[in-house]
Amino acid sequence: RRSLEGGRHHIRQTEFTEDVFETEFLKVMKNVHATIERNEMRQVERDRRDATKLEWEQVAMVLDRFLLVVFVVATTTVTFVILYQRQL
């Protein structure tokens, strides 16, 4: 009789250990899933910021070239106006 009770105790102990393992495993899996989700959200945000940065860099390049042309035209115009006034 004692061996039967010992066997039942061992079965209950094994079931308890399996339940604890399953519970802990599920916790770990939830943490892994949450970490992956956060990582994906960070990547999406980083991609959005990179796209915005690229757009602003393109705007800055176009504006820079436009202002260079304005500067060259204005400088050339003022130079010719000053030289023309001197000849009069």
PDB file of N, CA and C in Angstrom:
ATOM      1  N   ARG A   1       0.815  -1.191   0.000  1.00  0.00           N
ATOM      2  CA  ARG A   1       0.000   0.000   0.000  1.00  0.00           C
ATOM      3  C   ARG A   1       0.865   1.264   0.000  1.00  0.00           C
ATOM      4  N   ARG A   2       1.921   1.193   0.699  1.00  0.00           N
ATOM      5  CA  ARG A   2       2.800   2.348   0.757  1.00  0.00           C
ATOM      6  C   ARG A   2       3.375   2.679  -0.618  1.00  0.00           C
ATOM      7  N   SER A   3       3.702   1.663  -1.390  1.00  0.00           N
ATOM      8  CA  SER A   3       4.262   1.895  -2.719  1.00  0.00           C
ATOM      9  C   SER A   3       3.205   2.512  -3.642  1.00  0.00           C
ATOM     10  N   LEU A   4       1.935   2.171  -3.503  1.00  0.00           N
ATOM     11  CA  LEU A   4       0.883   2.797  -4.308  1.00  0.00           C
ATOM     12  C   LEU A   4       0.770   4.279  -4.007  1.00  0.00           C
ATOM     13  N   GLU A   5       0.776   4.606  -2.739  1.00  0.00           N
ATOM     14  CA  GLU A   5       0.693   6.019  -2.369  1.00  0.00           C
ATOM     15  C   GLU A   5       1.910   6.776  -2.864  1.00  0.00           C
ATOM     16  N   GLY A   6       3.060   6.158  -2.790  1.00  0.00           N
ATOM     17  CA  GLY A   6       4.283   6.780  -3.304  1.00  0.00           C
ATOM     18  C   GLY A   6       4.193   7.003  -4.800  1.00  0.00           C
ATOM     19  N   GLY A   7       3.614   6.040  -5.511  1.00  0.00           N
ATOM     20  CA  GLY A   7       3.445   6.164  -6.956  1.00  0.00           C
ATOM     21  C   GLY A   7       2.500   7.291  -7.305  1.00  0.00           C
ATOM     22  N   ARG A   8       1.404   7.394  -6.562  1.00  0.00           N
ATOM     23  CA  ARG A   8       0.448   8.488  -6.808  1.00  0.00           C
ATOM     24  C   ARG A   8       1.088   9.841  -6.520  1.00  0.00           C
ATOM     25  N   HIS A   9       1.855   9.870  -5.467  1.00  0.00           N
ATOM     26  CA  HIS A   9       2.557  11.121  -5.123  1.00  0.00           C
ATOM     27  C   HIS A   9       3.510  11.502  -6.254  1.00  0.00           C
ATOM     28  N   HIS A  10       4.188  10.510  -6.815  1.00  0.00           N
ATOM     29  CA  HIS A  10       5.123  10.769  -7.917  1.00  0.00           C
ATOM     30  C   HIS A  10       4.371  11.272  -9.150  1.00  0.00           C
ATOM     31  N   ILE A  11       3.203  10.690  -9.429  1.00  0.00           N
ATOM     32  CA  ILE A  11       2.398  11.126 -10.576  1.00  0.00           C
ATOM     33  C   ILE A  11       1.927  12.557 -10.360  1.00  0.00           C
ATOM     34  N   ARG A  12       1.437  12.845  -9.174  1.00  0.00           N
ATOM     35  CA  ARG A  12       0.994  14.224  -8.881  1.00  0.00           C
ATOM     36  C   ARG A  12       2.160  15.195  -8.983  1.00  0.00           C
ATOM     37  N   GLN A  13       3.316  14.783  -8.487  1.00  0.00           N
ATOM     38  CA  GLN A  13       4.518  15.627  -8.551  1.00  0.00           C
ATOM     39  C   GLN A  13       4.881  15.892 -10.010  1.00  0.00           C
ATOM     40  N   THR A  14       4.813  14.871 -10.849  1.00  0.00           N
ATOM     41  CA  THR A  14       5.136  15.010 -12.272  1.00  0.00           C
ATOM     42  C   THR A  14       4.141  15.933 -12.953  1.00  0.00           C
ATOM     43  N   GLU A  15       2.843  15.771 -12.674  1.00  0.00           N
ATOM     44  CA  GLU A  15       1.823  16.643 -13.256  1.00  0.00           C
ATOM     45  C   GLU A  15       2.046  18.081 -12.820  1.00  0.00           C
ATOM     46  N   PHE A  16       2.370  18.280 -11.550  1.00  0.00           N
ATOM     47  CA  PHE A  16       2.629  19.630 -11.036  1.00  0.00           C
ATOM     48  C   PHE A  16       3.838  20.230 -11.745  1.00  0.00           C
ATOM     49  N   THR A  17       4.890  19.437 -11.911  1.00  0.00           N
ATOM     50  CA  THR A  17       6.091  19.925 -12.578  1.00  0.00           C
ATOM     51  C   THR A  17       5.791  20.278 -14.027  1.00  0.00           C
ATOM     52  N   GLU A  18       4.998  19.441 -14.715  1.00  0.00           N
ATOM     53  CA  GLU A  18       4.632  19.729 -16.097  1.00  0.00           C
ATOM     54  C   GLU A  18       3.793  20.994 -16.187  1.00  0.00           C
ATOM     55  N   ASP A  19       2.868  21.198 -15.253  1.00  0.00           N
ATOM     56  CA  ASP A  19       2.039  22.403 -15.241  1.00  0.00           C
ATOM     57  C   ASP A  19       2.899  23.643 -15.021  1.00  0.00           C
ATOM     58  N   VAL A  20       3.843  23.556 -14.094  1.00  0.00           N
ATOM     59  CA  VAL A  20       4.739  24.693 -13.830  1.00  0.00           C
ATOM     60  C   VAL A  20       5.577  24.979 -15.065  1.00  0.00           C
ATOM     61  N   PHE A  21       6.098  23.918 -15.681  1.00  0.00           N
ATOM     62  CA  PHE A  21       6.897  24.090 -16.886  1.00  0.00           C
ATOM     63  C   PHE A  21       6.076  24.748 -17.988  1.00  0.00           C
ATOM     64  N   GLU A  22       4.857  24.268 -18.186  1.00  0.00           N
ATOM     65  CA  GLU A  22       4.004  24.826 -19.232  1.00  0.00           C
ATOM     66  C   GLU A  22       3.688  26.289 -18.961  1.00  0.00           C
ATOM     67  N   THR A  23       3.387  26.608 -17.718  1.00  0.00           N
ATOM     68  CA  THR A  23       3.091  27.993 -17.341  1.00  0.00           C
ATOM     69  C   THR A  23       4.296  28.891 -17.590  1.00  0.00           C
ATOM     70  N   GLU A  24       5.467  28.445 -17.147  1.00  0.00           N
ATOM     71  CA  GLU A  24       6.680  29.238 -17.351  1.00  0.00           C
ATOM     72  C   GLU A  24       7.012  29.365 -18.833  1.00  0.00           C
ATOM     73  N   PHE A  25       6.817  28.276 -19.583  1.00  0.00           N
ATOM     74  CA  PHE A  25       7.074  28.299 -21.018  1.00  0.00           C
ATOM     75  C   PHE A  25       6.160  29.309 -21.704  1.00  0.00           C
ATOM     76  N   LEU A  26       4.893  29.324 -21.328  1.00  0.00           N
ATOM     77  CA  LEU A  26       3.949  30.281 -21.914  1.00  0.00           C
ATOM     78  C   LEU A  26       4.327  31.713 -21.565  1.00  0.00           C
ATOM     79  N   LYS A  27       4.797  31.949 -20.354  1.00  0.00           N
ATOM     80  CA  LYS A  27       5.250  33.292 -19.962  1.00  0.00           C
ATOM     81  C   LYS A  27       6.419  33.730 -20.836  1.00  0.00           C
ATOM     82  N   VAL A  28       7.358  32.816 -21.016  1.00  0.00           N
ATOM     83  CA  VAL A  28       8.526  33.130 -21.842  1.00  0.00           C
ATOM     84  C   VAL A  28       8.099  33.408 -23.278  1.00  0.00           C
ATOM     85  N   MET A  29       7.207  32.610 -23.796  1.00  0.00           N
ATOM     86  CA  MET A  29       6.733  32.816 -25.169  1.00  0.00           C
ATOM     87  C   MET A  29       6.007  34.153 -25.318  1.00  0.00           C
ATOM     88  N   LYS A  30       5.223  34.535 -24.318  1.00  0.00           N
ATOM     89  CA  LYS A  30       4.553  35.838 -24.359  1.00  0.00           C
ATOM     90  C   LYS A  30       5.577  36.957 -24.351  1.00  0.00           C
ATOM     91  N   ASN A  31       6.621  36.814 -23.535  1.00  0.00           N
ATOM     92  CA  ASN A  31       7.678  37.829 -23.494  1.00  0.00           C
ATOM     93  C   ASN A  31       8.411  37.917 -24.825  1.00  0.00           C
ATOM     94  N   VAL A  32       8.692  36.774 -25.426  1.00  0.00           N
ATOM     95  CA  VAL A  32       9.359  36.761 -26.731  1.00  0.00           C
ATOM     96  C   VAL A  32       8.471  37.437 -27.771  1.00  0.00           C
ATOM     97  N   HIS A  33       7.189  37.099 -27.752  1.00  0.00           N
ATOM     98  CA  HIS A  33       6.251  37.706 -28.704  1.00  0.00           C
ATOM     99  C   HIS A  33       6.179  39.225 -28.510  1.00  0.00           C
ATOM    100  N   ALA A  34       6.089  39.660 -27.272  1.00  0.00           N
ATOM    101  CA  ALA A  34       6.031  41.100 -26.993  1.00  0.00           C
ATOM    102  C   ALA A  34       7.304  41.794 -27.460  1.00  0.00           C
ATOM    103  N   THR A  35       8.447  41.155 -27.251  1.00  0.00           N
ATOM    104  CA  THR A  35       9.724  41.743 -27.678  1.00  0.00           C
ATOM    105  C   THR A  35       9.785  41.852 -29.195  1.00  0.00           C
ATOM    106  N   ILE A  36       9.321  40.840 -29.887  1.00  0.00           N
ATOM    107  CA  ILE A  36       9.307  40.881 -31.353  1.00  0.00           C
ATOM    108  C   ILE A  36       8.369  41.983 -31.845  1.00  0.00           C
ATOM    109  N   GLU A  37       7.212  42.099 -31.222  1.00  0.00           N
ATOM    110  CA  GLU A  37       6.264  43.156 -31.604  1.00  0.00           C
ATOM    111  C   GLU A  37       6.877  44.540 -31.415  1.00  0.00           C
ATOM    112  N   ARG A  38       7.520  44.754 -30.259  1.00  0.00           N
ATOM    113  CA  ARG A  38       8.167  46.053 -30.007  1.00  0.00           C
ATOM    114  C   ARG A  38       9.261  46.325 -31.034  1.00  0.00           C
ATOM    115  N   ASN A  39      10.009  45.302 -31.366  1.00  0.00           N
ATOM    116  CA  ASN A  39      11.083  45.455 -32.342  1.00  0.00           C
ATOM    117  C   ASN A  39      10.530  45.827 -33.713  1.00  0.00           C
ATOM    118  N   GLU A  40       9.433  45.188 -34.109  1.00  0.00           N
ATOM    119  CA  GLU A  40       8.808  45.506 -35.394  1.00  0.00           C
ATOM    120  C   GLU A  40       8.283  46.935 -35.400  1.00  0.00           C
ATOM    121  N   MET A  41       7.695  47.361 -34.285  1.00  0.00           N
ATOM    122  CA  MET A  41       7.176  48.735 -34.212  1.00  0.00           C
ATOM    123  C   MET A  41       8.322  49.737 -34.297  1.00  0.00           C
ATOM    124  N   ARG A  42       9.423  49.430 -33.618  1.00  0.00           N
ATOM    125  CA  ARG A  42      10.597  50.319 -33.695  1.00  0.00           C
ATOM    126  C   ARG A  42      11.123  50.400 -35.119  1.00  0.00           C
ATOM    127  N   GLN A  43      11.147  49.269 -35.809  1.00  0.00           N
ATOM    128  CA  GLN A  43      11.653  49.249 -37.179  1.00  0.00           C
ATOM    129  C   GLN A  43      10.754  50.073 -38.102  1.00  0.00           C
ATOM    130  N   VAL A  44       9.442  49.944 -37.935  1.00  0.00           N
ATOM    131  CA  VAL A  44       8.504  50.736 -38.740  1.00  0.00           C
ATOM    132  C   VAL A  44       8.716  52.225 -38.466  1.00  0.00           C
ATOM    133  N   GLU A  45       8.871  52.589 -37.208  1.00  0.00           N
ATOM    134  CA  GLU A  45       9.097  54.001 -36.842  1.00  0.00           C
ATOM    135  C   GLU A  45      10.427  54.489 -37.420  1.00  0.00           C
ATOM    136  N   ARG A  46      11.457  53.658 -37.346  1.00  0.00           N
ATOM    137  CA  ARG A  46      12.765  54.040 -37.892  1.00  0.00           C
ATOM    138  C   ARG A  46      12.676  54.225 -39.405  1.00  0.00           C
ATOM    139  N   ASP A  47      11.958  53.344 -40.087  1.00  0.00           N
ATOM    140  CA  ASP A  47      11.789  53.469 -41.539  1.00  0.00           C
ATOM    141  C   ASP A  47      11.055  54.759 -41.887  1.00  0.00           C
ATOM    142  N   ARG A  48      10.029  55.083 -41.096  1.00  0.00           N
ATOM    143  CA  ARG A  48       9.275  56.323 -41.345  1.00  0.00           C
ATOM    144  C   ARG A  48      10.169  57.542 -41.168  1.00  0.00           C
ATOM    145  N   ARG A  49      10.971  57.535 -40.089  1.00  0.00           N
ATOM    146  CA  ARG A  49      11.886  58.658 -39.848  1.00  0.00           C
ATOM    147  C   ARG A  49      12.938  58.767 -40.947  1.00  0.00           C
ATOM    148  N   ASP A  50      13.444  57.621 -41.404  1.00  0.00           N
ATOM    149  CA  ASP A  50      14.442  57.641 -42.476  1.00  0.00           C
ATOM    150  C   ASP A  50      13.854  58.209 -43.764  1.00  0.00           C
ATOM    151  N   ALA A  51      12.617  57.835 -44.071  1.00  0.00           N
ATOM    152  CA  ALA A  51      11.954  58.356 -45.272  1.00  0.00           C
ATOM    153  C   ALA A  51      11.749  59.864 -45.167  1.00  0.00           C
ATOM    154  N   THR A  52      11.334  60.323 -43.998  1.00  0.00           N
ATOM    155  CA  THR A  52      11.140  61.761 -43.781  1.00  0.00           C
ATOM    156  C   THR A  52      12.466  62.502 -43.897  1.00  0.00           C
ATOM    157  N   LYS A  53      13.511  61.921 -43.327  1.00  0.00           N
ATOM    158  CA  LYS A  53      14.846  62.537 -43.401  1.00  0.00           C
ATOM    159  C   LYS A  53      15.299  62.648 -44.847  1.00  0.00           C
ATOM    160  N   LEU A  54      15.097  61.599 -45.637  1.00  0.00           N
ATOM    161  CA  LEU A  54      15.485  61.617 -47.047  1.00  0.00           C
ATOM    162  C   LEU A  54      14.720  62.692 -47.818  1.00  0.00           C
ATOM    163  N   GLU A  55      13.424  62.820 -47.544  1.00  0.00           N
ATOM    164  CA  GLU A  55      12.625  63.856 -48.210  1.00  0.00           C
ATOM    165  C   GLU A  55      13.153  65.246 -47.892  1.00  0.00           C
ATOM    166  N   TRP A  56      13.470  65.504 -46.625  1.00  0.00           N
ATOM    167  CA  TRP A  56      13.983  66.817 -46.249  1.00  0.00           C
ATOM    168  C   TRP A  56      15.366  67.074 -46.846  1.00  0.00           C
ATOM    169  N   GLU A  57      16.176  66.028 -46.958  1.00  0.00           N
ATOM    170  CA  GLU A  57      17.482  66.196 -47.601  1.00  0.00           C
ATOM    171  C   GLU A  57      17.308  66.592 -49.068  1.00  0.00           C
ATOM    172  N   GLN A  58      16.329  65.997 -49.741  1.00  0.00           N
ATOM    173  CA  GLN A  58      16.071  66.344 -51.137  1.00  0.00           C
ATOM    174  C   GLN A  58      15.556  67.785 -51.259  1.00  0.00           C
ATOM    175  N   VAL A  59      14.679  68.181 -50.348  1.00  0.00           N
ATOM    176  CA  VAL A  59      14.183  69.567 -50.348  1.00  0.00           C
ATOM    177  C   VAL A  59      15.337  70.528 -50.128  1.00  0.00           C
ATOM    178  N   ALA A  60      16.227  70.208 -49.191  1.00  0.00           N
ATOM    179  CA  ALA A  60      17.369  71.079 -48.902  1.00  0.00           C
ATOM    180  C   ALA A  60      18.293  71.188 -50.105  1.00  0.00           C
ATOM    181  N   MET A  61      18.505  70.076 -50.820  1.00  0.00           N
ATOM    182  CA  MET A  61      19.382  70.099 -51.989  1.00  0.00           C
ATOM    183  C   MET A  61      18.790  70.978 -53.098  1.00  0.00           C
ATOM    184  N   VAL A  62      17.493  70.845 -53.346  1.00  0.00           N
ATOM    185  CA  VAL A  62      16.843  71.668 -54.373  1.00  0.00           C
ATOM    186  C   VAL A  62      16.896  73.139 -53.981  1.00  0.00           C
ATOM    187  N   LEU A  63      16.588  73.434 -52.732  1.00  0.00           N
ATOM    188  CA  LEU A  63      16.623  74.826 -52.265  1.00  0.00           C
ATOM    189  C   LEU A  63      18.041  75.383 -52.336  1.00  0.00           C
ATOM    190  N   ASP A  64      19.034  74.576 -52.004  1.00  0.00           N
ATOM    191  CA  ASP A  64      20.422  75.009 -52.060  1.00  0.00           C
ATOM    192  C   ASP A  64      20.817  75.373 -53.491  1.00  0.00           C
ATOM    193  N   ARG A  65      20.447  74.547 -54.441  1.00  0.00           N
ATOM    194  CA  ARG A  65      20.783  74.837 -55.837  1.00  0.00           C
ATOM    195  C   ARG A  65      20.035  76.074 -56.350  1.00  0.00           C
ATOM    196  N   PHE A  66      18.781  76.193 -55.953  1.00  0.00           N
ATOM    197  CA  PHE A  66      18.003  77.370 -56.358  1.00  0.00           C
ATOM    198  C   PHE A  66      18.646  78.650 -55.829  1.00  0.00           C
ATOM    199  N   LEU A  67      19.015  78.630 -54.557  1.00  0.00           N
ATOM    200  CA  LEU A  67      19.638  79.824 -53.973  1.00  0.00           C
ATOM    201  C   LEU A  67      21.003  80.100 -54.586  1.00  0.00           C
ATOM    202  N   LEU A  68      21.733  79.071 -54.993  1.00  0.00           N
ATOM    203  CA  LEU A  68      23.010  79.275 -55.681  1.00  0.00           C
ATOM    204  C   LEU A  68      22.792  79.994 -57.007  1.00  0.00           C
ATOM    205  N   VAL A  69      21.771  79.557 -57.747  1.00  0.00           N
ATOM    206  CA  VAL A  69      21.463  80.206 -59.028  1.00  0.00           C
ATOM    207  C   VAL A  69      21.059  81.655 -58.788  1.00  0.00           C
ATOM    208  N   VAL A  70      20.223  81.919 -57.790  1.00  0.00           N
ATOM    209  CA  VAL A  70      19.812  83.288 -57.471  1.00  0.00           C
ATOM    210  C   VAL A  70      21.039  84.132 -57.125  1.00  0.00           C
ATOM    211  N   PHE A  71      21.945  83.586 -56.333  1.00  0.00           N
ATOM    212  CA  PHE A  71      23.157  84.316 -55.941  1.00  0.00           C
ATOM    213  C   PHE A  71      24.025  84.641 -57.161  1.00  0.00           C
ATOM    214  N   VAL A  72      24.228  83.647 -58.026  1.00  0.00           N
ATOM    215  CA  VAL A  72      25.078  83.870 -59.202  1.00  0.00           C
ATOM    216  C   VAL A  72      24.441  84.909 -60.120  1.00  0.00           C
ATOM    217  N   VAL A  73      23.129  84.804 -60.358  1.00  0.00           N
ATOM    218  CA  VAL A  73      22.446  85.766 -61.217  1.00  0.00           C
ATOM    219  C   VAL A  73      22.496  87.164 -60.592  1.00  0.00           C
ATOM    220  N   ALA A  74      22.220  87.269 -59.311  1.00  0.00           N
ATOM    221  CA  ALA A  74      22.238  88.583 -58.648  1.00  0.00           C
ATOM    222  C   ALA A  74      23.643  89.176 -58.661  1.00  0.00           C
ATOM    223  N   THR A  75      24.653  88.392 -58.366  1.00  0.00           N
ATOM    224  CA  THR A  75      26.028  88.886 -58.348  1.00  0.00           C
ATOM    225  C   THR A  75      26.460  89.327 -59.742  1.00  0.00           C
ATOM    226  N   THR A  76      26.131  88.532 -60.747  1.00  0.00           N
ATOM    227  CA  THR A  76      26.488  88.889 -62.124  1.00  0.00           C
ATOM    228  C   THR A  76      25.766  90.159 -62.550  1.00  0.00           C
ATOM    229  N   THR A  77      24.478  90.255 -62.232  1.00  0.00           N
ATOM    230  CA  THR A  77      23.699  91.441 -62.595  1.00  0.00           C
ATOM    231  C   THR A  77      24.263  92.684 -61.932  1.00  0.00           C
ATOM    232  N   VAL A  78      24.530  92.619 -60.646  1.00  0.00           N
ATOM    233  CA  VAL A  78      25.065  93.787 -59.921  1.00  0.00           C
ATOM    234  C   VAL A  78      26.439  94.151 -60.469  1.00  0.00           C
ATOM    235  N   THR A  79      27.259  93.174 -60.795  1.00  0.00           N
ATOM    236  CA  THR A  79      28.599  93.446 -61.345  1.00  0.00           C
ATOM    237  C   THR A  79      28.484  94.183 -62.673  1.00  0.00           C
ATOM    238  N   PHE A  80      27.610  93.709 -63.570  1.00  0.00           N
ATOM    239  CA  PHE A  80      27.447  94.380 -64.855  1.00  0.00           C
ATOM    240  C   PHE A  80      26.845  95.780 -64.696  1.00  0.00           C
ATOM    241  N   VAL A  81      25.920  95.950 -63.738  1.00  0.00           N
ATOM    242  CA  VAL A  81      25.326  97.276 -63.510  1.00  0.00           C
ATOM    243  C   VAL A  81      26.404  98.237 -63.029  1.00  0.00           C
ATOM    244  N   ILE A  82      27.253  97.817 -62.116  1.00  0.00           N
ATOM    245  CA  ILE A  82      28.316  98.689 -61.590  1.00  0.00           C
ATOM    246  C   ILE A  82      29.299  99.001 -62.697  1.00  0.00           C
ATOM    247  N   LEU A  83      29.713  98.036 -63.490  1.00  0.00           N
ATOM    248  CA  LEU A  83      30.670  98.299 -64.586  1.00  0.00           C
ATOM    249  C   LEU A  83      30.045  99.174 -65.656  1.00  0.00           C
ATOM    250  N   TYR A  84      28.774  98.998 -65.976  1.00  0.00           N
ATOM    251  CA  TYR A  84      28.106  99.818 -66.990  1.00  0.00           C
ATOM    252  C   TYR A  84      27.984 101.262 -66.546  1.00  0.00           C
ATOM    253  N   GLN A  85      27.676 101.484 -65.241  1.00  0.00           N
ATOM    254  CA  GLN A  85      27.560 102.853 -64.724  1.00  0.00           C
ATOM    255  C   GLN A  85      28.910 103.556 -64.785  1.00  0.00           C
ATOM    256  N   ARG A  86      29.996 102.875 -64.631  1.00  0.00           N
ATOM    257  CA  ARG A  86      31.326 103.464 -64.656  1.00  0.00           C
ATOM    258  C   ARG A  86      31.670 103.937 -66.040  1.00  0.00           C
ATOM    259  N   GLN A  87      31.221 103.237 -67.056  1.00  0.00           N
ATOM    260  CA  GLN A  87      31.536 103.615 -68.433  1.00  0.00           C
ATOM    261  C   GLN A  87      30.760 104.818 -68.879  1.00  0.00           C
ATOM    262  N   LEU A  88      29.659 105.103 -68.238  1.00  0.00           N
ATOM    263  CA  LEU A  88      28.874 106.283 -68.620  1.00  0.00           C
ATOM    264  C   LEU A  88      29.566 107.472 -68.100  1.00  0.00           C
TER     265      LEU A  88
END
